[in-house]
């Protein structure tokens, strides 16, 4: 398992996973609170709700379980993308003809 961490394909997969997850998270986050609406309720977080904006009835709050869940899902997604890229690269490189 330690051979994966020094592999360039695994590192490239990790980088692609980080960029992909960051893009998905940024796409799903709300664009910002509507300044003209004083009693609007907004939630944010992907895939779990990690933040609720306040209304007149309750204050803003961060949901800790949602944040922990999002971090765990992100880590699992990024590691899986790294493993998949390493697997695909090993299959592609094994098909190259040996020119010795």
PDB file of N, CA and C in Angstrom:
ATOM      1  N   UNK A   1       0.816  -1.192   0.000  1.00  0.00           N
ATOM      2  CA  UNK A   1       0.000   0.000   0.000  1.00  0.00           C
ATOM      3  C   UNK A   1       0.863   1.260   0.000  1.00  0.00           C
ATOM      4  N   UNK A   2       2.058   1.196   0.564  1.00  0.00           N
ATOM      5  CA  UNK A   2       2.892   2.394   0.621  1.00  0.00           C
ATOM      6  C   UNK A   2       3.432   2.761  -0.755  1.00  0.00           C
ATOM      7  N   UNK A   3       3.406   1.824  -1.714  1.00  0.00           N
ATOM      8  CA  UNK A   3       3.851   2.124  -3.061  1.00  0.00           C
ATOM      9  C   UNK A   3       2.924   3.085  -3.785  1.00  0.00           C
ATOM     10  N   UNK A   4       1.670   3.164  -3.359  1.00  0.00           N
ATOM     11  CA  UNK A   4       0.727   4.077  -4.001  1.00  0.00           C
ATOM     12  C   UNK A   4       1.093   5.538  -3.743  1.00  0.00           C
ATOM     13  N   UNK A   5       1.566   5.819  -2.555  1.00  0.00           N
ATOM     14  CA  UNK A   5       1.800   7.208  -2.171  1.00  0.00           C
ATOM     15  C   UNK A   5       2.958   7.839  -2.920  1.00  0.00           C
ATOM     16  N   UNK A   6       3.901   7.049  -3.381  1.00  0.00           N
ATOM     17  CA  UNK A   6       5.033   7.604  -4.117  1.00  0.00           C
ATOM     18  C   UNK A   6       4.794   7.596  -5.626  1.00  0.00           C
ATOM     19  N   UNK A   7       3.687   7.043  -6.062  1.00  0.00           N
ATOM     20  CA  UNK A   7       3.370   6.946  -7.471  1.00  0.00           C
ATOM     21  C   UNK A   7       2.838   8.286  -7.985  1.00  0.00           C
ATOM     22  N   UNK A   8       3.345   8.711  -9.142  1.00  0.00           N
ATOM     23  CA  UNK A   8       2.915   9.992  -9.715  1.00  0.00           C
ATOM     24  C   UNK A   8       1.462   9.956 -10.169  1.00  0.00           C
ATOM     25  N   UNK A   9       1.008   8.814 -10.657  1.00  0.00           N
ATOM     26  CA  UNK A   9      -0.382   8.707 -11.097  1.00  0.00           C
ATOM     27  C   UNK A   9      -1.334   8.851  -9.910  1.00  0.00           C
ATOM     28  N   UNK A  10      -0.953   8.301  -8.769  1.00  0.00           N
ATOM     29  CA  UNK A  10      -1.777   8.429  -7.572  1.00  0.00           C
ATOM     30  C   UNK A  10      -1.836   9.889  -7.126  1.00  0.00           C
ATOM     31  N   UNK A  11      -0.701  10.562  -7.145  1.00  0.00           N
ATOM     32  CA  UNK A  11      -0.664  11.980  -6.751  1.00  0.00           C
ATOM     33  C   UNK A  11      -1.472  12.846  -7.712  1.00  0.00           C
ATOM     34  N   UNK A  12      -1.398  12.535  -9.000  1.00  0.00           N
ATOM     35  CA  UNK A  12      -2.197  13.265  -9.973  1.00  0.00           C
ATOM     36  C   UNK A  12      -3.687  13.008  -9.753  1.00  0.00           C
ATOM     37  N   UNK A  13      -4.058  11.781  -9.425  1.00  0.00           N
ATOM     38  CA  UNK A  13      -5.446  11.459  -9.115  1.00  0.00           C
ATOM     39  C   UNK A  13      -5.937  12.179  -7.874  1.00  0.00           C
ATOM     40  N   UNK A  14      -5.069  12.293  -6.867  1.00  0.00           N
ATOM     41  CA  UNK A  14      -5.427  13.037  -5.657  1.00  0.00           C
ATOM     42  C   UNK A  14      -5.691  14.501  -6.003  1.00  0.00           C
ATOM     43  N   UNK A  15      -4.814  15.084  -6.813  1.00  0.00           N
ATOM     44  CA  UNK A  15      -4.992  16.477  -7.218  1.00  0.00           C
ATOM     45  C   UNK A  15      -6.285  16.655  -8.011  1.00  0.00           C
ATOM     46  N   UNK A  16      -6.560  15.750  -8.948  1.00  0.00           N
ATOM     47  CA  UNK A  16      -7.808  15.825  -9.723  1.00  0.00           C
ATOM     48  C   UNK A  16      -9.031  15.642  -8.822  1.00  0.00           C
ATOM     49  N   UNK A  17      -8.932  14.754  -7.836  1.00  0.00           N
ATOM     50  CA  UNK A  17     -10.030  14.559  -6.896  1.00  0.00           C
ATOM     51  C   UNK A  17     -10.301  15.790  -6.065  1.00  0.00           C
ATOM     52  N   UNK A  18      -9.236  16.462  -5.623  1.00  0.00           N
ATOM     53  CA  UNK A  18      -9.401  17.692  -4.844  1.00  0.00           C
ATOM     54  C   UNK A  18     -10.063  18.775  -5.689  1.00  0.00           C
ATOM     55  N   UNK A  19      -9.586  18.934  -6.915  1.00  0.00           N
ATOM     56  CA  UNK A  19     -10.161  19.956  -7.788  1.00  0.00           C
ATOM     57  C   UNK A  19     -11.617  19.651  -8.129  1.00  0.00           C
ATOM     58  N   UNK A  20     -11.921  18.382  -8.391  1.00  0.00           N
ATOM     59  CA  UNK A  20     -13.288  17.991  -8.716  1.00  0.00           C
ATOM     60  C   UNK A  20     -14.222  18.218  -7.534  1.00  0.00           C
ATOM     61  N   UNK A  21     -13.823  17.782  -6.353  1.00  0.00           N
ATOM     62  CA  UNK A  21     -14.680  17.931  -5.186  1.00  0.00           C
ATOM     63  C   UNK A  21     -14.863  19.405  -4.830  1.00  0.00           C
ATOM     64  N   UNK A  22     -13.809  20.191  -4.966  1.00  0.00           N
ATOM     65  CA  UNK A  22     -13.918  21.621  -4.694  1.00  0.00           C
ATOM     66  C   UNK A  22     -14.874  22.292  -5.683  1.00  0.00           C
ATOM     67  N   UNK A  23     -14.809  21.900  -6.948  1.00  0.00           N
ATOM     68  CA  UNK A  23     -15.719  22.446  -7.946  1.00  0.00           C
ATOM     69  C   UNK A  23     -17.159  22.072  -7.674  1.00  0.00           C
ATOM     70  N   UNK A  24     -17.398  20.826  -7.305  1.00  0.00           N
ATOM     71  CA  UNK A  24     -18.761  20.382  -6.991  1.00  0.00           C
ATOM     72  C   UNK A  24     -19.285  21.125  -5.769  1.00  0.00           C
ATOM     73  N   UNK A  25     -18.444  21.279  -4.761  1.00  0.00           N
ATOM     74  CA  UNK A  25     -18.861  21.969  -3.540  1.00  0.00           C
ATOM     75  C   UNK A  25     -19.167  23.434  -3.820  1.00  0.00           C
ATOM     76  N   UNK A  26     -18.328  24.071  -4.626  1.00  0.00           N
ATOM     77  CA  UNK A  26     -18.551  25.482  -4.956  1.00  0.00           C
ATOM     78  C   UNK A  26     -19.804  25.655  -5.807  1.00  0.00           C
ATOM     79  N   UNK A  27     -20.086  24.706  -6.687  1.00  0.00           N
ATOM     80  CA  UNK A  27     -21.274  24.784  -7.530  1.00  0.00           C
ATOM     81  C   UNK A  27     -22.550  24.634  -6.699  1.00  0.00           C
ATOM     82  N   UNK A  28     -22.512  23.792  -5.671  1.00  0.00           N
ATOM     83  CA  UNK A  28     -23.697  23.532  -4.862  1.00  0.00           C
ATOM     84  C   UNK A  28     -23.892  24.510  -3.716  1.00  0.00           C
ATOM     85  N   UNK A  29     -22.916  25.362  -3.451  1.00  0.00           N
ATOM     86  CA  UNK A  29     -23.089  26.320  -2.355  1.00  0.00           C
ATOM     87  C   UNK A  29     -23.951  27.482  -2.836  1.00  0.00           C
ATOM     88  N   UNK A  30     -24.725  28.062  -1.934  1.00  0.00           N
ATOM     89  CA  UNK A  30     -25.584  29.182  -2.355  1.00  0.00           C
ATOM     90  C   UNK A  30     -24.740  30.393  -2.717  1.00  0.00           C
ATOM     91  N   UNK A  31     -25.199  31.221  -3.635  1.00  0.00           N
ATOM     92  CA  UNK A  31     -24.403  32.361  -4.087  1.00  0.00           C
ATOM     93  C   UNK A  31     -24.248  33.453  -3.040  1.00  0.00           C
ATOM     94  N   UNK A  32     -25.005  33.436  -2.020  1.00  0.00           N
ATOM     95  CA  UNK A  32     -24.917  34.464  -0.986  1.00  0.00           C
ATOM     96  C   UNK A  32     -26.289  34.806  -0.477  1.00  0.00           C
ATOM     97  N   UNK A  33     -26.303  35.361   0.663  1.00  0.00           N
ATOM     98  CA  UNK A  33     -27.585  35.688   1.280  1.00  0.00           C
ATOM     99  C   UNK A  33     -28.224  36.871   0.571  1.00  0.00           C
ATOM    100  N   UNK A  34     -29.496  36.764   0.347  1.00  0.00           N
ATOM    101  CA  UNK A  34     -30.249  37.845  -0.267  1.00  0.00           C
ATOM    102  C   UNK A  34     -30.355  38.991   0.730  1.00  0.00           C
ATOM    103  N   UNK A  35     -29.767  40.103   0.423  1.00  0.00           N
ATOM    104  CA  UNK A  35     -29.714  41.228   1.362  1.00  0.00           C
ATOM    105  C   UNK A  35     -31.076  41.913   1.530  1.00  0.00           C
ATOM    106  N   UNK A  36     -31.984  41.725   0.599  1.00  0.00           N
ATOM    107  CA  UNK A  36     -33.290  42.361   0.702  1.00  0.00           C
ATOM    108  C   UNK A  36     -34.286  41.521   1.498  1.00  0.00           C
ATOM    109  N   UNK A  37     -33.957  40.274   1.723  1.00  0.00           N
ATOM    110  CA  UNK A  37     -34.859  39.381   2.447  1.00  0.00           C
ATOM    111  C   UNK A  37     -34.311  39.185   3.861  1.00  0.00           C
ATOM    112  N   UNK A  38     -35.049  39.630   4.863  1.00  0.00           N
ATOM    113  CA  UNK A  38     -34.569  39.551   6.236  1.00  0.00           C
ATOM    114  C   UNK A  38     -35.001  38.272   6.931  1.00  0.00           C
ATOM    115  N   UNK A  39     -35.900  37.529   6.337  1.00  0.00           N
ATOM    116  CA  UNK A  39     -36.374  36.296   6.959  1.00  0.00           C
ATOM    117  C   UNK A  39     -36.206  35.113   6.006  1.00  0.00           C
ATOM    118  N   UNK A  40     -35.086  35.081   5.305  1.00  0.00           N
ATOM    119  CA  UNK A  40     -34.832  33.982   4.377  1.00  0.00           C
ATOM    120  C   UNK A  40     -34.025  32.894   5.070  1.00  0.00           C
ATOM    121  N   UNK A  41     -34.319  31.683   4.717  1.00  0.00           N
ATOM    122  CA  UNK A  41     -33.675  30.518   5.310  1.00  0.00           C
ATOM    123  C   UNK A  41     -32.851  29.841   4.227  1.00  0.00           C
ATOM    124  N   UNK A  42     -31.535  29.731   4.429  1.00  0.00           N
ATOM    125  CA  UNK A  42     -30.666  29.082   3.457  1.00  0.00           C
ATOM    126  C   UNK A  42     -29.838  28.029   4.150  1.00  0.00           C
ATOM    127  N   UNK A  43     -29.571  26.952   3.416  1.00  0.00           N
ATOM    128  CA  UNK A  43     -28.702  25.901   3.915  1.00  0.00           C
ATOM    129  C   UNK A  43     -27.580  25.706   2.909  1.00  0.00           C
ATOM    130  N   UNK A  44     -26.450  25.214   3.391  1.00  0.00           N
ATOM    131  CA  UNK A  44     -25.348  24.930   2.485  1.00  0.00           C
ATOM    132  C   UNK A  44     -24.606  23.697   2.980  1.00  0.00           C
ATOM    133  N   UNK A  45     -23.876  23.106   2.065  1.00  0.00           N
ATOM    134  CA  UNK A  45     -23.111  21.905   2.359  1.00  0.00           C
ATOM    135  C   UNK A  45     -23.375  20.848   1.312  1.00  0.00           C
ATOM    136  N   UNK A  46     -22.346  20.085   1.011  1.00  0.00           N
ATOM    137  CA  UNK A  46     -22.488  18.994   0.052  1.00  0.00           C
ATOM    138  C   UNK A  46     -21.656  17.832   0.529  1.00  0.00           C
ATOM    139  N   UNK A  47     -22.134  16.670   0.619  1.00  0.00           N
ATOM    140  CA  UNK A  47     -23.478  16.142   0.407  1.00  0.00           C
ATOM    141  C   UNK A  47     -24.376  16.292   1.630  1.00  0.00           C
ATOM    142  N   UNK A  48     -23.801  16.623   2.782  1.00  0.00           N
ATOM    143  CA  UNK A  48     -24.599  16.805   3.993  1.00  0.00           C
ATOM    144  C   UNK A  48     -24.716  18.293   4.298  1.00  0.00           C
ATOM    145  N   UNK A  49     -25.796  18.673   4.928  1.00  0.00           N
ATOM    146  CA  UNK A  49     -26.002  20.073   5.296  1.00  0.00           C
ATOM    147  C   UNK A  49     -25.056  20.406   6.451  1.00  0.00           C
ATOM    148  N   UNK A  50     -24.215  21.417   6.252  1.00  0.00           N
ATOM    149  CA  UNK A  50     -23.243  21.767   7.279  1.00  0.00           C
ATOM    150  C   UNK A  50     -23.444  23.171   7.843  1.00  0.00           C
ATOM    151  N   UNK A  51     -24.329  23.960   7.248  1.00  0.00           N
ATOM    152  CA  UNK A  51     -24.553  25.312   7.738  1.00  0.00           C
ATOM    153  C   UNK A  51     -25.988  25.732   7.433  1.00  0.00           C
ATOM    154  N   UNK A  52     -26.623  26.335   8.406  1.00  0.00           N
ATOM    155  CA  UNK A  52     -27.960  26.887   8.242  1.00  0.00           C
ATOM    156  C   UNK A  52     -27.898  28.366   8.560  1.00  0.00           C
ATOM    157  N   UNK A  53     -28.396  29.175   7.646  1.00  0.00           N
ATOM    158  CA  UNK A  53     -28.433  30.611   7.916  1.00  0.00           C
ATOM    159  C   UNK A  53     -29.630  30.912   8.800  1.00  0.00           C
ATOM    160  N   UNK A  54     -29.492  31.954   9.559  1.00  0.00           N
ATOM    161  CA  UNK A  54     -30.527  32.286  10.522  1.00  0.00           C
ATOM    162  C   UNK A  54     -31.701  33.020   9.930  1.00  0.00           C
ATOM    163  N   UNK A  55     -32.767  32.939  10.637  1.00  0.00           N
ATOM    164  CA  UNK A  55     -33.971  33.712  10.327  1.00  0.00           C
ATOM    165  C   UNK A  55     -34.353  34.458  11.595  1.00  0.00           C
ATOM    166  N   UNK A  56     -35.518  35.000  11.615  1.00  0.00           N
ATOM    167  CA  UNK A  56     -35.973  35.679  12.822  1.00  0.00           C
ATOM    168  C   UNK A  56     -36.174  34.672  13.956  1.00  0.00           C
ATOM    169  N   UNK A  57     -36.526  33.436  13.605  1.00  0.00           N
ATOM    170  CA  UNK A  57     -36.831  32.439  14.629  1.00  0.00           C
ATOM    171  C   UNK A  57     -35.591  31.776  15.225  1.00  0.00           C
ATOM    172  N   UNK A  58     -34.518  31.634  14.466  1.00  0.00           N
ATOM    173  CA  UNK A  58     -33.310  31.032  15.037  1.00  0.00           C
ATOM    174  C   UNK A  58     -32.066  31.669  14.425  1.00  0.00           C
ATOM    175  N   UNK A  59     -30.960  31.553  15.116  1.00  0.00           N
ATOM    176  CA  UNK A  59     -29.708  32.159  14.684  1.00  0.00           C
ATOM    177  C   UNK A  59     -28.979  31.274  13.677  1.00  0.00           C
ATOM    178  N   UNK A  60     -27.923  31.824  13.096  1.00  0.00           N
ATOM    179  CA  UNK A  60     -27.067  31.024  12.224  1.00  0.00           C
ATOM    180  C   UNK A  60     -26.434  29.908  13.053  1.00  0.00           C
ATOM    181  N   UNK A  61     -26.247  28.755  12.426  1.00  0.00           N
ATOM    182  CA  UNK A  61     -25.574  27.677  13.152  1.00  0.00           C
ATOM    183  C   UNK A  61     -24.844  26.775  12.183  1.00  0.00           C
ATOM    184  N   UNK A  62     -23.741  26.265  12.671  1.00  0.00           N
ATOM    185  CA  UNK A  62     -22.948  25.290  11.924  1.00  0.00           C
ATOM    186  C   UNK A  62     -23.268  23.913  12.479  1.00  0.00           C
ATOM    187  N   UNK A  63     -23.571  22.987  11.604  1.00  0.00           N
ATOM    188  CA  UNK A  63     -23.913  21.638  12.018  1.00  0.00           C
ATOM    189  C   UNK A  63     -22.650  20.777  11.992  1.00  0.00           C
ATOM    190  N   UNK A  64     -22.173  20.404  13.154  1.00  0.00           N
ATOM    191  CA  UNK A  64     -20.893  19.687  13.272  1.00  0.00           C
ATOM    192  C   UNK A  64     -20.939  18.311  12.615  1.00  0.00           C
ATOM    193  N   UNK A  65     -22.028  17.591  12.772  1.00  0.00           N
ATOM    194  CA  UNK A  65     -22.102  16.263  12.145  1.00  0.00           C
ATOM    195  C   UNK A  65     -22.086  16.364  10.629  1.00  0.00           C
ATOM    196  N   UNK A  66     -22.700  17.384  10.095  1.00  0.00           N
ATOM    197  CA  UNK A  66     -22.656  17.604   8.650  1.00  0.00           C
ATOM    198  C   UNK A  66     -21.255  17.937   8.178  1.00  0.00           C
ATOM    199  N   UNK A  67     -20.526  18.737   8.948  1.00  0.00           N
ATOM    200  CA  UNK A  67     -19.156  19.078   8.584  1.00  0.00           C
ATOM    201  C   UNK A  67     -18.251  17.856   8.634  1.00  0.00           C
ATOM    202  N   UNK A  68     -18.397  17.046   9.676  1.00  0.00           N
ATOM    203  CA  UNK A  68     -17.598  15.818   9.783  1.00  0.00           C
ATOM    204  C   UNK A  68     -17.938  14.872   8.645  1.00  0.00           C
ATOM    205  N   UNK A  69     -19.217  14.735   8.342  1.00  0.00           N
ATOM    206  CA  UNK A  69     -19.628  13.882   7.227  1.00  0.00           C
ATOM    207  C   UNK A  69     -19.083  14.361   5.899  1.00  0.00           C
ATOM    208  N   UNK A  70     -19.098  15.666   5.668  1.00  0.00           N
ATOM    209  CA  UNK A  70     -18.556  16.222   4.423  1.00  0.00           C
ATOM    210  C   UNK A  70     -17.060  15.971   4.310  1.00  0.00           C
ATOM    211  N   UNK A  71     -16.327  16.107   5.416  1.00  0.00           N
ATOM    212  CA  UNK A  71     -14.887  15.855   5.396  1.00  0.00           C
ATOM    213  C   UNK A  71     -14.603  14.387   5.109  1.00  0.00           C
ATOM    214  N   UNK A  72     -15.360  13.493   5.718  1.00  0.00           N
ATOM    215  CA  UNK A  72     -15.146  12.059   5.482  1.00  0.00           C
ATOM    216  C   UNK A  72     -15.484  11.666   4.050  1.00  0.00           C
ATOM    217  N   UNK A  73     -16.571  12.199   3.519  1.00  0.00           N
ATOM    218  CA  UNK A  73     -16.942  11.904   2.134  1.00  0.00           C
ATOM    219  C   UNK A  73     -15.899  12.464   1.174  1.00  0.00           C
ATOM    220  N   UNK A  74     -15.404  13.670   1.446  1.00  0.00           N
ATOM    221  CA  UNK A  74     -14.379  14.271   0.592  1.00  0.00           C
ATOM    222  C   UNK A  74     -13.102  13.440   0.617  1.00  0.00           C
ATOM    223  N   UNK A  75     -12.672  13.009   1.794  1.00  0.00           N
ATOM    224  CA  UNK A  75     -11.452  12.202   1.893  1.00  0.00           C
ATOM    225  C   UNK A  75     -11.621  10.871   1.164  1.00  0.00           C
ATOM    226  N   UNK A  76     -12.761  10.240   1.324  1.00  0.00           N
ATOM    227  CA  UNK A  76     -13.012   8.970   0.639  1.00  0.00           C
ATOM    228  C   UNK A  76     -13.065   9.157  -0.870  1.00  0.00           C
ATOM    229  N   UNK A  77     -13.721  10.210  -1.325  1.00  0.00           N
ATOM    230  CA  UNK A  77     -13.809  10.488  -2.759  1.00  0.00           C
ATOM    231  C   UNK A  77     -12.428  10.752  -3.352  1.00  0.00           C
ATOM    232  N   UNK A  78     -11.638  11.576  -2.686  1.00  0.00           N
ATOM    233  CA  UNK A  78     -10.321  11.945  -3.194  1.00  0.00           C
ATOM    234  C   UNK A  78      -9.398  10.729  -3.218  1.00  0.00           C
ATOM    235  N   UNK A  79      -9.422   9.916  -2.174  1.00  0.00           N
ATOM    236  CA  UNK A  79      -8.589   8.712  -2.137  1.00  0.00           C
ATOM    237  C   UNK A  79      -9.017   7.721  -3.213  1.00  0.00           C
ATOM    238  N   UNK A  80     -10.314   7.581  -3.435  1.00  0.00           N
ATOM    239  CA  UNK A  80     -10.812   6.670  -4.465  1.00  0.00           C
ATOM    240  C   UNK A  80     -10.403   7.126  -5.861  1.00  0.00           C
ATOM    241  N   UNK A  81     -10.469   8.424  -6.129  1.00  0.00           N
ATOM    242  CA  UNK A  81     -10.029   8.943  -7.425  1.00  0.00           C
ATOM    243  C   UNK A  81      -8.538   8.676  -7.612  1.00  0.00           C
ATOM    244  N   UNK A  82      -7.750   8.825  -6.555  1.00  0.00           N
ATOM    245  CA  UNK A  82      -6.327   8.519  -6.631  1.00  0.00           C
ATOM    246  C   UNK A  82      -6.074   7.062  -6.949  1.00  0.00           C
ATOM    247  N   UNK A  83      -6.805   6.163  -6.298  1.00  0.00           N
ATOM    248  CA  UNK A  83      -6.639   4.728  -6.571  1.00  0.00           C
ATOM    249  C   UNK A  83      -7.068   4.367  -7.986  1.00  0.00           C
ATOM    250  N   UNK A  84      -8.154   4.957  -8.453  1.00  0.00           N
ATOM    251  CA  UNK A  84      -8.628   4.674  -9.812  1.00  0.00           C
ATOM    252  C   UNK A  84      -7.623   5.168 -10.843  1.00  0.00           C
ATOM    253  N   UNK A  85      -7.085   6.363 -10.647  1.00  0.00           N
ATOM    254  CA  UNK A  85      -6.092   6.868 -11.603  1.00  0.00           C
ATOM    255  C   UNK A  85      -4.832   6.016 -11.587  1.00  0.00           C
ATOM    256  N   UNK A  86      -4.432   5.530 -10.417  1.00  0.00           N
ATOM    257  CA  UNK A  86      -3.270   4.647 -10.337  1.00  0.00           C
ATOM    258  C   UNK A  86      -3.545   3.331 -11.064  1.00  0.00           C
ATOM    259  N   UNK A  87      -4.737   2.781 -10.897  1.00  0.00           N
ATOM    260  CA  UNK A  87      -5.101   1.530 -11.560  1.00  0.00           C
ATOM    261  C   UNK A  87      -5.135   1.700 -13.076  1.00  0.00           C
ATOM    262  N   UNK A  88      -5.750   2.780 -13.534  1.00  0.00           N
ATOM    263  CA  UNK A  88      -5.835   3.030 -14.980  1.00  0.00           C
ATOM    264  C   UNK A  88      -4.440   3.237 -15.556  1.00  0.00           C
ATOM    265  N   UNK A  89      -3.603   3.982 -14.859  1.00  0.00           N
ATOM    266  CA  UNK A  89      -2.239   4.220 -15.350  1.00  0.00           C
ATOM    267  C   UNK A  89      -1.430   2.924 -15.401  1.00  0.00           C
ATOM    268  N   UNK A  90      -1.617   2.048 -14.423  1.00  0.00           N
ATOM    269  CA  UNK A  90      -0.884   0.779 -14.445  1.00  0.00           C
ATOM    270  C   UNK A  90      -1.352  -0.103 -15.602  1.00  0.00           C
ATOM    271  N   UNK A  91      -2.642  -0.063 -15.929  1.00  0.00           N
ATOM    272  CA  UNK A  91      -3.140  -0.845 -17.064  1.00  0.00           C
ATOM    273  C   UNK A  91      -2.649  -0.270 -18.387  1.00  0.00           C
ATOM    274  N   UNK A  92      -2.581   1.044 -18.492  1.00  0.00           N
ATOM    275  CA  UNK A  92      -2.097   1.667 -19.724  1.00  0.00           C
ATOM    276  C   UNK A  92      -0.606   1.418 -19.902  1.00  0.00           C
ATOM    277  N   UNK A  93       0.148   1.546 -18.837  1.00  0.00           N
ATOM    278  CA  UNK A  93       1.599   1.378 -18.945  1.00  0.00           C
ATOM    279  C   UNK A  93       1.991  -0.074 -19.145  1.00  0.00           C
ATOM    280  N   UNK A  94       1.164  -1.042 -18.739  1.00  0.00           N
ATOM    281  CA  UNK A  94       1.497  -2.449 -18.951  1.00  0.00           C
ATOM    282  C   UNK A  94       1.276  -2.877 -20.403  1.00  0.00           C
ATOM    283  N   UNK A  95       0.524  -2.105 -21.162  1.00  0.00           N
ATOM    284  CA  UNK A  95       0.258  -2.432 -22.566  1.00  0.00           C
ATOM    285  C   UNK A  95       1.299  -1.847 -23.511  1.00  0.00           C
ATOM    286  N   UNK A  96       2.190  -1.022 -23.001  1.00  0.00           N
ATOM    287  CA  UNK A  96       3.216  -0.440 -23.857  1.00  0.00           C
ATOM    288  C   UNK A  96       4.201  -1.522 -24.293  1.00  0.00           C
ATOM    289  N   UNK A  97       4.615  -1.489 -25.519  1.00  0.00           N
ATOM    290  CA  UNK A  97       5.591  -2.498 -25.971  1.00  0.00           C
ATOM    291  C   UNK A  97       6.953  -2.233 -25.346  1.00  0.00           C
ATOM    292  N   UNK A  98       7.626  -3.310 -25.016  1.00  0.00           N
ATOM    293  CA  UNK A  98       8.940  -3.215 -24.430  1.00  0.00           C
ATOM    294  C   UNK A  98       9.961  -3.131 -25.563  1.00  0.00           C
ATOM    295  N   UNK A  99      10.708  -2.059 -25.649  1.00  0.00           N
ATOM    296  CA  UNK A  99      11.629  -1.817 -26.769  1.00  0.00           C
ATOM    297  C   UNK A  99      13.075  -2.087 -26.354  1.00  0.00           C
ATOM    298  N   UNK A 100      13.337  -3.107 -25.597  1.00  0.00           N
ATOM    299  CA  UNK A 100      14.715  -3.421 -25.187  1.00  0.00           C
ATOM    300  C   UNK A 100      15.485  -4.103 -26.257  1.00  0.00           C
TER     301      UNK A 100
END
